[in-house]
Amino acid sequence: MSNAVSVSPSQWHLSPWVTICAFLVLIGPFSLDFHFHYPDEMYYTDAAMRMMTNGDYFTTYLGNGELRFKKPIITYWAVLAGFKLFGISAFSSRIFFLVAGSALIGLVYAIGKLASGNKSVASLAAWIVAAQPLVIFSSSRSIPDILLVLFLTLSAWGTTAILKFGNGVPKRYLWMLYLGFGLAFEVKGLPAAALAFLTLTYLLINPWQKITWRTLLYWPALLLATGIALSWFIVMYVKFGPVYLDSFLEDQVGMRVGNRVVKLLSYFLMAVGLMAALFLPWLFFVGKKLTISLAAIREENKPFFGFILVWLVAIILMTSLVSKFYDRYLLPVLPVVAIGVAWMIVQGNRDNKKMLTGWTSFLVILNTIILAVAVYWNVGLKSPPSLILPWIWGAAIVVFLFVDIRKKRLHYHHVSIAMMLVFLCGTLISHPLSIPHQGIQIRQLVSEKNIPKGTRFGFVGNPHHSSKIRIGLGTDYEVVNLDNVDATANRYPYLIRADGSFDGVPVDSETVEIASSNWDAKYFTEIMKGIWVGDSHIKKKDLSKRYLLIEQQSDIP
């Protein structure tokens, strides 16, 4: 290890539990409320709430009542489990995805230690993954990606052990291999199957540690994993026949696979460039001779690095063969690549004190600026006094980092902590824009008006916001998405619709009032100016996103 790595008098940072705790503390406030709401979350939260009301835990519905078969069932169940255990809220919709992100950190540590035999490599890999933006965002959204990468990484742990122990591998690692792939298939389908096929093929044919069919055909694990992978599909076939596969295959193949050469080439270059960018600043710690470092550590465990290469090439190619590029498609390979990067850094034995000081100082300055803006922002917008607590916590960590910079006792975990701190400090900026979200505000209004439970609301507006409103109102009320205000709107005693125009509002509307109002982030500069001149409260109507509650005479018989 380099001098920069060994100067710390304490070895607390080598424990994966410390990394996991840092991740939960720094990312939890960002993750467990709707500071940012990803559009696709609505598919899973809406369906989970429908499951709670109809008792059918296999069939998934959209907010307008239509069936949706595009993804297997495990992601829906993760949301449902949160709702069942903690009640319906933003917190409960995302809690198990944050837990999955923290579990991923532990798996990366275990694989790194098994592959390298070096706690420093394992620990650094865990810190790299903890601060990885794709991991953080995926752990903060109730969508399949973090669950997919968690289960695939479980399979990677089994694969790593098989490559290390050969045909004498303990059976528990074969369980990891197959159950990981089975669960991953039940999360997202064909991508997991493709990686499973490539992994098993690699185990059989790699020239350094060939594994026999007799070893891999461990029937108890293989049969159980196959049962898990196919269970939802069998249930859907029994209920709906083969028609459900049309929607599933359209999403898995038809909508995802592109067919234009220029587009595929551009996506390939984007995937390669983004993969490199996702490991900044860590690649700077490897040094200028990246290929030499890679070749050196490759000699230490050729089977494992061959496995990393197979997955890396496979994910880049699969990400390229799509009709629309998403950065999160690269997520499955990030954990094992992080181990390779960590290995190069640790075994490079370079003096990185200047580089560590530079990057940590940059991140400390960035966090200081965010905290300073947060004071101006929250005082000017009269945010709740309770926000002083996370501000103090963020400022304390900034001071901790600054002291360690001055005392020249930096380690790589300082960079990771400073990167995660950006998300904690960022919640202070996003809070006035997003919290309380539309669902909470509308729930408060419904409570104040004593609207009876069981009332049906027609919703007109952004369907992604409707999912937040459903979460706010819970299962006591029904919110049905309407494409527009037309004749069917009169079937509902109340409408919730986006502000902006009263065109199409039924003429028999009796009352119209503001149900929710949130600052619009696209007017950030104007809001800042409004705070400066003291008229932000006057401008809020023009600079906010609002929903109206319309009470009307219903045509319901």
Protein backbone atom coordinates (compact mmCIF):
# COMPACT_ATOMS: atom_id res chain seq x y z
CA MET A 1 0.00 0.00 0.00
CA SER A 2 1.07 3.58 -0.58
CA ASN A 3 2.08 6.00 2.13
CA ALA A 4 -1.16 7.88 1.62
CA VAL A 5 -3.09 4.74 2.42
CA SER A 6 -1.09 3.82 5.51
CA VAL A 7 -0.82 7.21 7.25
CA SER A 8 -4.15 6.86 9.03
CA PRO A 9 -3.56 5.80 12.66
CA SER A 10 -6.83 3.89 12.74
CA GLN A 11 -8.05 0.99 10.61
CA TRP A 12 -11.75 1.57 11.24
CA HIS A 13 -12.31 2.40 7.60
CA LEU A 14 -11.45 -1.18 6.58
CA SER A 15 -14.66 -2.56 8.07
CA PRO A 16 -17.50 -3.01 5.57
CA TRP A 17 -19.97 -2.19 8.36
CA VAL A 18 -18.50 1.30 8.62
CA THR A 19 -18.93 1.77 4.87
CA ILE A 20 -22.51 0.54 5.01
CA CYS A 21 -23.33 2.82 7.96
CA ALA A 22 -21.81 5.82 6.16
CA PHE A 23 -23.90 5.00 3.10
CA LEU A 24 -27.14 4.73 5.09
CA VAL A 25 -26.51 7.90 7.09
CA LEU A 26 -25.44 10.07 4.15
CA ILE A 27 -27.75 8.70 1.46
CA GLY A 28 -30.79 7.83 3.58
CA PRO A 29 -32.15 11.41 3.87
CA PHE A 30 -31.88 11.81 0.09
CA SER A 31 -33.33 8.39 -0.66
CA LEU A 32 -36.26 8.00 1.72
CA ASP A 33 -38.38 10.94 0.61
CA PHE A 34 -39.37 12.31 -2.77
CA HIS A 35 -36.57 14.86 -3.14
CA PHE A 36 -36.41 13.48 -6.65
CA HIS A 37 -39.14 11.23 -8.00
CA TYR A 38 -38.15 8.99 -10.89
CA PRO A 39 -41.00 8.57 -13.41
CA ASP A 40 -40.89 4.76 -13.57
CA GLU A 41 -41.51 4.44 -9.83
CA MET A 42 -45.20 4.92 -10.46
CA TYR A 43 -45.46 1.52 -12.17
CA TYR A 44 -44.41 -0.27 -9.01
CA THR A 45 -46.00 1.88 -6.31
CA ASP A 46 -49.36 2.03 -8.13
CA ALA A 47 -49.37 -1.74 -8.63
CA ALA A 48 -48.35 -2.46 -5.02
CA MET A 49 -51.22 -0.32 -3.72
CA ARG A 50 -53.64 -2.15 -6.00
CA MET A 51 -52.34 -5.44 -4.58
CA MET A 52 -53.14 -4.21 -1.09
CA THR A 53 -56.73 -3.44 -2.04
CA ASN A 54 -57.58 -6.47 -4.17
CA GLY A 55 -55.42 -9.13 -2.51
CA ASP A 56 -53.97 -10.31 -5.84
CA TYR A 57 -50.20 -10.30 -5.30
CA PHE A 58 -49.22 -11.51 -8.77
CA THR A 59 -51.15 -9.31 -11.21
CA THR A 60 -49.83 -5.80 -11.79
CA TYR A 61 -51.90 -2.77 -12.83
CA LEU A 62 -51.29 0.78 -13.97
CA GLY A 63 -52.87 3.81 -12.30
CA ASN A 64 -55.66 3.85 -14.90
CA GLY A 65 -56.54 0.24 -14.13
CA GLU A 66 -54.87 -1.32 -17.19
CA LEU A 67 -52.80 -4.50 -16.85
CA ARG A 68 -49.02 -4.24 -17.15
CA PHE A 69 -46.82 -7.29 -17.79
CA LYS A 70 -43.54 -5.64 -18.78
CA LYS A 71 -41.50 -6.64 -15.72
CA PRO A 72 -41.50 -9.72 -13.46
CA ILE A 73 -42.79 -9.53 -9.92
CA ILE A 74 -39.97 -9.09 -7.37
CA THR A 75 -39.71 -5.29 -7.65
CA TYR A 76 -43.43 -4.97 -7.01
CA TRP A 77 -43.09 -7.20 -3.96
CA ALA A 78 -40.24 -5.10 -2.60
CA VAL A 79 -42.52 -2.03 -2.67
CA LEU A 80 -45.42 -4.05 -1.29
CA ALA A 81 -43.29 -5.33 1.62
CA GLY A 82 -42.41 -1.75 2.55
CA PHE A 83 -46.07 -0.73 2.44
CA LYS A 84 -47.12 -3.72 4.54
CA LEU A 85 -44.46 -3.20 7.20
CA PHE A 86 -44.32 0.59 7.47
CA GLY A 87 -47.55 1.88 5.98
CA ILE A 88 -47.93 3.66 2.66
CA SER A 89 -45.41 6.49 2.32
CA ALA A 90 -42.41 7.62 0.30
CA PHE A 91 -40.17 6.08 2.99
CA SER A 92 -41.80 2.66 2.81
CA SER A 93 -41.85 2.62 -1.01
CA ARG A 94 -38.06 2.98 -1.11
CA ILE A 95 -36.72 1.48 2.11
CA PHE A 96 -35.92 -1.97 0.71
CA PHE A 97 -34.15 -0.45 -2.28
CA LEU A 98 -31.87 1.49 0.07
CA VAL A 99 -31.32 -1.74 2.02
CA ALA A 100 -30.45 -3.47 -1.27
CA GLY A 101 -27.87 -0.77 -1.99
CA SER A 102 -26.26 -1.24 1.42
CA ALA A 103 -26.27 -5.04 0.98
CA LEU A 104 -24.54 -4.57 -2.38
CA ILE A 105 -21.68 -2.82 -0.58
CA GLY A 106 -21.27 -5.85 1.69
CA LEU A 107 -21.25 -8.22 -1.29
CA VAL A 108 -18.58 -6.18 -3.05
CA TYR A 109 -16.39 -6.34 0.06
CA ALA A 110 -16.86 -10.12 0.28
CA ILE A 111 -15.99 -10.66 -3.40
CA GLY A 112 -13.00 -8.33 -3.21
CA LYS A 113 -11.60 -10.12 -0.18
CA LEU A 114 -12.20 -13.56 -1.71
CA ALA A 115 -10.63 -12.65 -5.05
CA SER A 116 -7.61 -10.72 -3.77
CA GLY A 117 -7.07 -12.01 -0.25
CA ASN A 118 -6.48 -8.37 0.70
CA LYS A 119 -8.76 -6.46 3.09
CA SER A 120 -7.51 -3.15 1.72
CA VAL A 121 -8.66 -4.06 -1.80
CA ALA A 122 -12.02 -5.25 -0.50
CA SER A 123 -12.53 -2.14 1.64
CA LEU A 124 -11.57 0.30 -1.10
CA ALA A 125 -13.91 -1.47 -3.56
CA ALA A 126 -16.74 -1.13 -1.04
CA TRP A 127 -16.04 2.61 -0.60
CA ILE A 128 -15.94 3.09 -4.38
CA VAL A 129 -19.32 1.40 -4.83
CA ALA A 130 -20.84 3.32 -1.90
CA ALA A 131 -19.99 6.63 -3.57
CA GLN A 132 -20.96 5.49 -7.08
CA PRO A 133 -23.69 7.87 -8.37
CA LEU A 134 -25.51 5.12 -10.28
CA VAL A 135 -25.64 2.98 -7.15
CA ILE A 136 -26.86 5.93 -5.08
CA PHE A 137 -29.60 6.93 -7.51
CA SER A 138 -30.70 3.33 -8.03
CA SER A 139 -30.85 2.80 -4.25
CA SER A 140 -33.10 5.88 -4.06
CA ARG A 141 -35.74 4.72 -6.54
CA SER A 142 -38.34 1.98 -6.33
CA ILE A 143 -37.43 0.48 -9.71
CA PRO A 144 -35.74 -2.85 -10.59
CA ASP A 145 -32.13 -1.76 -11.16
CA ILE A 146 -30.63 -1.98 -7.66
CA LEU A 147 -32.35 -5.32 -7.04
CA LEU A 148 -31.04 -6.63 -10.36
CA VAL A 149 -27.45 -5.66 -9.59
CA LEU A 150 -27.73 -7.01 -6.04
CA PHE A 151 -28.77 -10.48 -7.19
CA LEU A 152 -26.31 -10.50 -10.09
CA THR A 153 -23.52 -9.58 -7.67
CA LEU A 154 -24.61 -12.46 -5.43
CA SER A 155 -24.06 -14.70 -8.45
CA ALA A 156 -20.70 -13.00 -9.04
CA TRP A 157 -19.70 -13.95 -5.49
CA GLY A 158 -20.51 -17.58 -6.27
CA THR A 159 -18.64 -17.33 -9.58
CA THR A 160 -15.57 -15.86 -7.89
CA ALA A 161 -15.51 -18.72 -5.38
CA ILE A 162 -15.88 -21.35 -8.11
CA LEU A 163 -12.95 -19.79 -9.98
CA LYS A 164 -10.88 -19.82 -6.80
CA PHE A 165 -11.68 -23.29 -5.44
CA GLY A 166 -12.25 -25.08 -8.72
CA ASN A 167 -14.19 -28.33 -8.76
CA GLY A 168 -13.83 -28.58 -4.99
CA VAL A 169 -15.88 -25.44 -4.40
CA PRO A 170 -18.14 -25.55 -1.33
CA LYS A 171 -21.78 -26.07 -2.24
CA ARG A 172 -22.91 -22.76 -0.67
CA TYR A 173 -21.26 -20.88 -3.53
CA LEU A 174 -23.20 -22.90 -6.11
CA TRP A 175 -26.34 -21.87 -4.26
CA MET A 176 -25.22 -18.24 -4.56
CA LEU A 177 -24.54 -18.64 -8.27
CA TYR A 178 -27.91 -20.09 -9.18
CA LEU A 179 -30.17 -18.32 -6.71
CA GLY A 180 -28.63 -15.00 -7.67
CA PHE A 181 -29.42 -15.56 -11.34
CA GLY A 182 -32.88 -16.95 -10.58
CA LEU A 183 -33.81 -13.93 -8.48
CA ALA A 184 -32.27 -11.55 -11.02
CA PHE A 185 -34.40 -13.10 -13.77
CA GLU A 186 -37.49 -12.60 -11.61
CA VAL A 187 -36.48 -8.93 -11.31
CA LYS A 188 -35.82 -7.99 -14.92
CA GLY A 189 -35.96 -11.00 -17.17
CA LEU A 190 -33.73 -11.62 -20.18
CA PRO A 191 -30.65 -9.54 -19.22
CA ALA A 192 -30.13 -11.86 -16.25
CA ALA A 193 -30.53 -14.91 -18.47
CA ALA A 194 -27.93 -13.57 -20.91
CA LEU A 195 -25.39 -12.99 -18.12
CA ALA A 196 -26.12 -16.42 -16.64
CA PHE A 197 -25.43 -18.09 -19.99
CA LEU A 198 -22.17 -16.17 -20.46
CA THR A 199 -21.03 -16.89 -16.89
CA LEU A 200 -21.64 -20.64 -17.11
CA THR A 201 -19.95 -20.75 -20.51
CA TYR A 202 -16.94 -18.90 -19.12
CA LEU A 203 -16.68 -21.27 -16.16
CA LEU A 204 -16.60 -24.22 -18.56
CA ILE A 205 -14.12 -22.92 -21.13
CA ASN A 206 -11.77 -20.44 -19.45
CA PRO A 207 -8.17 -21.69 -19.79
CA TRP A 208 -7.08 -20.97 -16.20
CA GLN A 209 -9.68 -22.71 -14.04
CA LYS A 210 -11.97 -24.93 -16.05
CA ILE A 211 -14.96 -26.28 -14.22
CA THR A 212 -16.64 -29.56 -15.12
CA TRP A 213 -20.29 -30.02 -15.96
CA ARG A 214 -20.53 -32.38 -13.00
CA THR A 215 -19.61 -29.55 -10.64
CA LEU A 216 -21.94 -27.00 -12.20
CA LEU A 217 -24.94 -29.31 -12.44
CA TYR A 218 -25.80 -29.02 -8.78
CA TRP A 219 -29.42 -29.96 -9.15
CA PRO A 220 -30.93 -28.75 -5.85
CA ALA A 221 -29.76 -25.17 -6.44
CA LEU A 222 -30.37 -25.29 -10.19
CA LEU A 223 -33.93 -26.56 -9.88
CA LEU A 224 -34.89 -24.14 -7.11
CA ALA A 225 -33.41 -21.19 -9.03
CA THR A 226 -35.29 -22.25 -12.17
CA GLY A 227 -38.50 -22.49 -10.17
CA ILE A 228 -37.98 -19.00 -8.76
CA ALA A 229 -37.18 -17.57 -12.19
CA LEU A 230 -40.26 -19.03 -13.88
CA SER A 231 -42.84 -18.92 -11.06
CA TRP A 232 -44.45 -15.58 -11.96
CA PHE A 233 -44.52 -16.47 -15.65
CA ILE A 234 -46.32 -19.73 -14.87
CA VAL A 235 -48.89 -17.94 -12.71
CA MET A 236 -49.52 -15.35 -15.43
CA TYR A 237 -49.88 -18.07 -18.07
CA VAL A 238 -52.46 -19.87 -15.97
CA LYS A 239 -54.42 -16.64 -15.41
CA PHE A 240 -54.14 -14.94 -18.80
CA GLY A 241 -52.72 -17.43 -21.28
CA PRO A 242 -49.82 -16.60 -23.63
CA VAL A 243 -51.14 -13.10 -24.38
CA TYR A 244 -49.20 -11.63 -21.44
CA LEU A 245 -45.93 -12.56 -23.15
CA ASP A 246 -46.59 -10.08 -25.96
CA SER A 247 -46.21 -7.14 -23.57
CA PHE A 248 -43.25 -8.71 -21.76
CA LEU A 249 -41.30 -9.53 -24.91
CA GLU A 250 -42.07 -6.15 -26.47
CA ASP A 251 -40.46 -4.48 -23.46
CA GLN A 252 -37.55 -6.94 -23.22
CA VAL A 253 -36.73 -7.19 -26.93
CA GLY A 254 -38.87 -5.07 -29.21
CA MET A 255 -38.55 -1.76 -27.39
CA ARG A 256 -34.99 -2.30 -26.18
CA VAL A 257 -33.09 -3.60 -29.19
CA GLY A 258 -32.14 -1.01 -31.76
CA ASN A 259 -31.44 -1.73 -35.43
CA ARG A 260 -29.60 1.31 -36.77
CA VAL A 261 -25.87 0.93 -37.27
CA VAL A 262 -25.01 4.57 -36.61
CA LYS A 263 -27.13 4.65 -33.48
CA LEU A 264 -25.60 1.40 -32.20
CA LEU A 265 -22.09 2.71 -32.79
CA SER A 266 -22.84 5.98 -31.00
CA TYR A 267 -24.38 4.08 -28.07
CA PHE A 268 -21.33 1.85 -27.91
CA LEU A 269 -19.00 4.85 -27.70
CA MET A 270 -21.29 6.47 -25.12
CA ALA A 271 -21.25 3.29 -23.02
CA VAL A 272 -17.46 3.03 -23.10
CA GLY A 273 -17.01 6.72 -22.27
CA LEU A 274 -19.59 6.65 -19.50
CA MET A 275 -18.08 3.53 -17.97
CA ALA A 276 -14.77 5.34 -17.65
CA ALA A 277 -16.43 8.51 -16.33
CA LEU A 278 -18.28 6.54 -13.65
CA PHE A 279 -14.94 5.63 -12.08
CA LEU A 280 -13.75 9.18 -11.65
CA PRO A 281 -11.90 10.26 -9.59
CA TRP A 282 -10.73 6.74 -8.76
CA LEU A 283 -8.95 6.15 -12.07
CA PHE A 284 -6.70 9.14 -11.28
CA PHE A 285 -5.34 7.20 -8.29
CA VAL A 286 -4.22 4.34 -10.53
CA GLY A 287 -1.62 6.48 -12.23
CA LYS A 288 -0.61 7.33 -15.76
CA LYS A 289 0.34 3.78 -16.72
CA LEU A 290 -3.13 2.28 -16.49
CA THR A 291 -2.45 -0.61 -18.86
CA ILE A 292 0.70 -1.59 -16.97
CA SER A 293 -1.18 -1.63 -13.65
CA LEU A 294 -3.96 -3.67 -15.21
CA ALA A 295 -1.53 -6.19 -16.65
CA ALA A 296 0.29 -6.52 -13.31
CA ILE A 297 -2.79 -7.36 -11.25
CA ARG A 298 -4.17 -9.58 -13.99
CA GLU A 299 -1.29 -11.92 -13.32
CA GLU A 300 -2.41 -12.30 -9.70
CA ASN A 301 -5.83 -13.78 -10.53
CA LYS A 302 -6.31 -14.40 -14.24
CA PRO A 303 -9.60 -16.32 -13.93
CA PHE A 304 -11.24 -13.51 -11.96
CA PHE A 305 -10.08 -10.75 -14.29
CA GLY A 306 -11.20 -12.79 -17.27
CA PHE A 307 -14.62 -12.97 -15.62
CA ILE A 308 -14.67 -9.18 -15.13
CA LEU A 309 -13.78 -8.71 -18.80
CA VAL A 310 -16.59 -11.04 -19.97
CA TRP A 311 -19.18 -9.16 -17.92
CA LEU A 312 -17.81 -5.75 -18.90
CA VAL A 313 -17.90 -6.48 -22.63
CA ALA A 314 -21.33 -8.10 -22.33
CA ILE A 315 -22.90 -5.15 -20.48
CA ILE A 316 -21.38 -2.58 -22.85
CA LEU A 317 -22.69 -4.50 -25.86
CA MET A 318 -26.14 -5.00 -24.30
CA THR A 319 -26.27 -1.31 -23.44
CA SER A 320 -25.37 -0.47 -27.03
CA LEU A 321 -28.05 -2.73 -28.55
CA VAL A 322 -30.97 -0.65 -27.34
CA SER A 323 -33.44 1.71 -28.93
CA LYS A 324 -32.87 4.29 -26.18
CA PHE A 325 -29.69 4.68 -24.14
CA TYR A 326 -29.88 4.69 -20.33
CA ASP A 327 -26.85 5.05 -18.09
CA ARG A 328 -28.38 2.68 -15.52
CA TYR A 329 -28.01 -0.22 -17.98
CA LEU A 330 -24.30 -0.19 -17.07
CA LEU A 331 -25.04 -0.78 -13.39
CA PRO A 332 -24.77 -4.62 -13.27
CA VAL A 333 -21.05 -4.64 -14.04
CA LEU A 334 -20.01 -1.73 -11.80
CA PRO A 335 -19.44 -3.82 -8.63
CA VAL A 336 -16.93 -6.22 -10.18
CA VAL A 337 -15.21 -3.44 -12.13
CA ALA A 338 -14.91 -1.49 -8.86
CA ILE A 339 -12.98 -4.42 -7.40
CA GLY A 340 -10.58 -4.35 -10.33
CA VAL A 341 -10.06 -0.59 -9.99
CA ALA A 342 -9.51 -0.90 -6.24
CA TRP A 343 -7.01 -3.69 -6.81
CA MET A 344 -5.01 -1.55 -9.23
CA ILE A 345 -4.96 1.38 -6.79
CA VAL A 346 -3.84 -0.65 -3.79
CA GLN A 347 -1.26 -2.79 -5.61
CA GLY A 348 0.07 0.21 -7.50
CA ASN A 349 1.71 1.34 -4.24
CA ARG A 350 1.86 4.94 -5.42
CA ASP A 351 2.21 8.05 -3.29
CA ASN A 352 -1.22 9.60 -3.81
CA LYS A 353 -1.14 12.18 -1.06
CA LYS A 354 -1.30 15.15 -3.45
CA MET A 355 -4.08 13.58 -5.49
CA LEU A 356 -6.04 12.69 -2.36
CA THR A 357 -5.60 16.20 -1.00
CA GLY A 358 -6.69 17.76 -4.28
CA TRP A 359 -9.85 15.72 -4.73
CA THR A 360 -10.89 15.83 -1.09
CA SER A 361 -10.31 19.59 -0.97
CA PHE A 362 -12.38 20.08 -4.12
CA LEU A 363 -15.26 18.08 -2.66
CA VAL A 364 -15.03 19.89 0.69
CA ILE A 365 -15.25 23.23 -1.12
CA LEU A 366 -18.22 21.96 -3.16
CA ASN A 367 -20.06 20.83 -0.04
CA THR A 368 -19.28 24.13 1.70
CA ILE A 369 -20.80 26.05 -1.21
CA ILE A 370 -23.92 23.86 -1.12
CA LEU A 371 -24.29 24.43 2.63
CA ALA A 372 -23.88 28.18 2.19
CA VAL A 373 -26.49 28.27 -0.58
CA ALA A 374 -28.77 26.15 1.61
CA VAL A 375 -28.73 28.79 4.36
CA TYR A 376 -29.70 31.56 1.93
CA TRP A 377 -32.23 29.31 0.19
CA ASN A 378 -34.01 27.93 3.24
CA VAL A 379 -34.05 31.13 5.28
CA GLY A 380 -35.38 33.06 2.29
CA LEU A 381 -38.11 30.51 1.60
CA LYS A 382 -38.95 30.12 5.31
CA SER A 383 -38.25 26.40 5.46
CA PRO A 384 -39.00 24.42 8.66
CA PRO A 385 -36.51 25.03 11.51
CA SER A 386 -35.92 21.27 11.69
CA LEU A 387 -33.67 21.55 8.62
CA ILE A 388 -31.00 23.02 10.87
CA LEU A 389 -30.25 19.49 12.10
CA PRO A 390 -29.10 18.00 8.77
CA TRP A 391 -27.29 21.28 8.05
CA ILE A 392 -25.33 20.94 11.32
CA TRP A 393 -24.62 17.30 10.55
CA GLY A 394 -23.34 18.18 7.07
CA ALA A 395 -21.23 21.05 8.42
CA ALA A 396 -19.72 18.75 11.07
CA ILE A 397 -18.60 16.27 8.41
CA VAL A 398 -17.12 19.11 6.35
CA VAL A 399 -15.13 20.19 9.43
CA PHE A 400 -14.02 16.58 10.01
CA LEU A 401 -12.76 16.35 6.42
CA PHE A 402 -11.06 19.75 6.63
CA VAL A 403 -9.21 18.77 9.81
CA ASP A 404 -7.95 15.55 8.23
CA ILE A 405 -6.79 17.51 5.19
CA ARG A 406 -4.84 19.90 7.43
CA LYS A 407 -3.33 17.06 9.47
CA LYS A 408 -2.40 15.14 6.30
CA ARG A 409 -4.04 11.92 7.35
CA LEU A 410 -6.16 11.35 4.29
CA HIS A 411 -7.27 7.97 3.06
CA TYR A 412 -9.37 6.96 0.08
CA HIS A 413 -12.46 6.71 2.24
CA HIS A 414 -12.31 10.48 2.76
CA VAL A 415 -13.01 10.94 -0.95
CA SER A 416 -15.94 8.52 -0.79
CA ILE A 417 -17.44 10.22 2.27
CA ALA A 418 -17.09 13.64 0.64
CA MET A 419 -18.82 12.36 -2.52
CA MET A 420 -21.74 10.92 -0.54
CA LEU A 421 -21.95 14.11 1.50
CA VAL A 422 -22.94 15.99 -1.67
CA PHE A 423 -26.22 14.07 -1.63
CA LEU A 424 -26.89 14.81 2.04
CA CYS A 425 -26.18 18.51 1.55
CA GLY A 426 -28.16 18.48 -1.68
CA THR A 427 -31.32 17.51 0.20
CA LEU A 428 -31.20 20.95 1.85
CA ILE A 429 -31.50 22.54 -1.59
CA SER A 430 -34.19 20.18 -2.89
CA HIS A 431 -36.30 20.26 0.28
CA PRO A 432 -38.07 23.59 -0.40
CA LEU A 433 -38.72 22.45 -3.99
CA SER A 434 -40.06 18.98 -3.28
CA ILE A 435 -41.03 18.51 0.36
CA PRO A 436 -43.81 18.08 1.35
CA HIS A 437 -44.64 16.42 -1.96
CA GLN A 438 -48.02 16.73 -3.68
CA GLY A 439 -49.44 13.64 -2.03
CA ILE A 440 -48.78 14.90 1.50
CA GLN A 441 -50.26 18.31 0.74
CA ILE A 442 -53.39 16.84 -0.82
CA ARG A 443 -53.79 14.40 2.07
CA GLN A 444 -53.77 17.34 4.49
CA LEU A 445 -56.42 19.16 2.45
CA VAL A 446 -58.61 16.06 2.20
CA SER A 447 -58.35 15.65 5.96
CA GLU A 448 -59.25 19.28 6.59
CA LYS A 449 -62.30 19.00 4.33
CA ASN A 450 -63.39 15.74 6.00
CA ILE A 451 -63.85 14.06 2.64
CA PRO A 452 -65.26 10.59 3.39
CA LYS A 453 -63.03 7.56 3.01
CA GLY A 454 -63.76 5.59 -0.10
CA THR A 455 -64.22 8.74 -2.22
CA ARG A 456 -62.98 8.40 -5.80
CA PHE A 457 -60.87 11.17 -7.34
CA GLY A 458 -60.34 11.68 -11.05
CA PHE A 459 -56.80 12.83 -11.83
CA VAL A 460 -55.76 14.98 -14.80
CA GLY A 461 -52.08 15.85 -15.10
CA ASN A 462 -48.65 14.27 -15.02
CA PRO A 463 -49.26 10.57 -14.23
CA HIS A 464 -45.98 10.42 -12.32
CA HIS A 465 -47.34 12.96 -9.87
CA SER A 466 -50.53 10.94 -9.56
CA SER A 467 -48.51 8.10 -8.03
CA LYS A 468 -47.26 10.45 -5.32
CA ILE A 469 -50.83 11.54 -4.67
CA ARG A 470 -51.93 7.91 -4.34
CA ILE A 471 -49.16 7.33 -1.83
CA GLY A 472 -50.26 10.42 0.07
CA LEU A 473 -53.92 9.38 0.20
CA GLY A 474 -53.24 5.69 0.79
CA THR A 475 -55.77 2.94 0.22
CA ASP A 476 -58.58 4.88 1.94
CA TYR A 477 -59.22 6.72 -1.33
CA GLU A 478 -59.06 5.83 -5.01
CA VAL A 479 -57.30 8.06 -7.52
CA VAL A 480 -57.96 7.19 -11.18
CA ASN A 481 -55.85 8.66 -13.99
CA LEU A 482 -57.85 10.39 -16.72
CA ASP A 483 -56.28 11.25 -20.07
CA ASN A 484 -58.13 14.57 -20.09
CA VAL A 485 -61.18 16.23 -18.65
CA ASP A 486 -64.00 14.80 -20.71
CA ALA A 487 -67.43 13.37 -20.12
CA THR A 488 -66.09 10.62 -17.86
CA ALA A 489 -64.86 13.23 -15.38
CA ASN A 490 -68.40 13.77 -14.17
CA ARG A 491 -68.33 10.29 -12.67
CA TYR A 492 -66.07 11.58 -9.91
CA PRO A 493 -67.18 13.83 -7.06
CA TYR A 494 -63.71 15.37 -7.02
CA LEU A 495 -61.13 16.09 -9.69
CA ILE A 496 -57.44 16.73 -9.07
CA ARG A 497 -55.94 18.50 -12.04
CA ALA A 498 -52.81 20.41 -12.94
CA ASP A 499 -53.06 24.16 -12.79
CA GLY A 500 -52.47 26.26 -15.89
CA SER A 501 -55.82 26.49 -17.59
CA PHE A 502 -59.45 26.07 -16.68
CA ASP A 503 -60.30 24.90 -20.19
CA GLY A 504 -62.30 21.72 -19.95
CA VAL A 505 -63.23 22.09 -16.29
CA PRO A 506 -66.86 20.96 -15.97
CA VAL A 507 -69.31 23.85 -15.87
CA ASP A 508 -71.04 22.37 -12.83
CA SER A 509 -67.90 22.75 -10.69
CA GLU A 510 -68.90 24.11 -7.34
CA THR A 511 -65.53 24.84 -5.75
CA VAL A 512 -61.98 25.05 -6.98
CA GLU A 513 -59.06 25.39 -4.58
CA ILE A 514 -55.32 24.89 -4.54
CA ALA A 515 -54.55 21.34 -3.42
CA SER A 516 -50.75 21.45 -3.67
CA SER A 517 -48.06 23.95 -4.58
CA ASN A 518 -44.36 23.23 -5.07
CA TRP A 519 -41.66 25.52 -6.43
CA ASP A 520 -40.70 24.60 -9.98
CA ALA A 521 -36.97 23.72 -10.15
CA LYS A 522 -36.63 25.20 -13.66
CA TYR A 523 -37.14 28.67 -12.12
CA PHE A 524 -34.26 28.23 -9.67
CA THR A 525 -32.53 31.46 -10.75
CA GLU A 526 -35.74 33.49 -10.58
CA ILE A 527 -36.48 32.10 -7.12
CA MET A 528 -32.99 33.06 -5.93
CA LYS A 529 -33.53 36.59 -7.26
CA GLY A 530 -36.94 36.72 -5.58
CA ILE A 531 -35.36 35.86 -2.24
CA TRP A 532 -32.82 38.65 -2.72
CA VAL A 533 -35.44 41.33 -3.39
CA GLY A 534 -37.87 39.88 -0.86
CA ASP A 535 -40.82 39.10 -3.13
CA SER A 536 -40.49 35.33 -3.56
CA HIS A 537 -43.79 34.78 -1.77
CA ILE A 538 -45.50 37.01 -4.34
CA LYS A 539 -43.91 35.17 -7.27
CA LYS A 540 -44.68 31.68 -6.01
CA LYS A 541 -47.88 31.43 -8.05
CA ASP A 542 -45.94 32.04 -11.27
CA LEU A 543 -42.90 29.96 -10.28
CA SER A 544 -44.57 26.87 -8.90
CA LYS A 545 -46.29 23.67 -10.00
CA ARG A 546 -49.79 23.52 -8.58
CA TYR A 547 -52.63 21.06 -8.49
CA LEU A 548 -56.25 22.05 -7.99
CA LEU A 549 -58.96 20.19 -6.14
CA ILE A 550 -62.29 20.60 -7.95
CA GLU A 551 -65.47 19.62 -6.15
CA GLN A 552 -68.31 18.97 -8.54
CA GLN A 553 -71.75 17.48 -8.89
CA SER A 554 -71.16 13.83 -9.68
CA ASP A 555 -73.15 11.82 -12.22
CA ILE A 556 -72.56 8.64 -10.25
CA PRO A 557 -75.92 6.85 -9.90
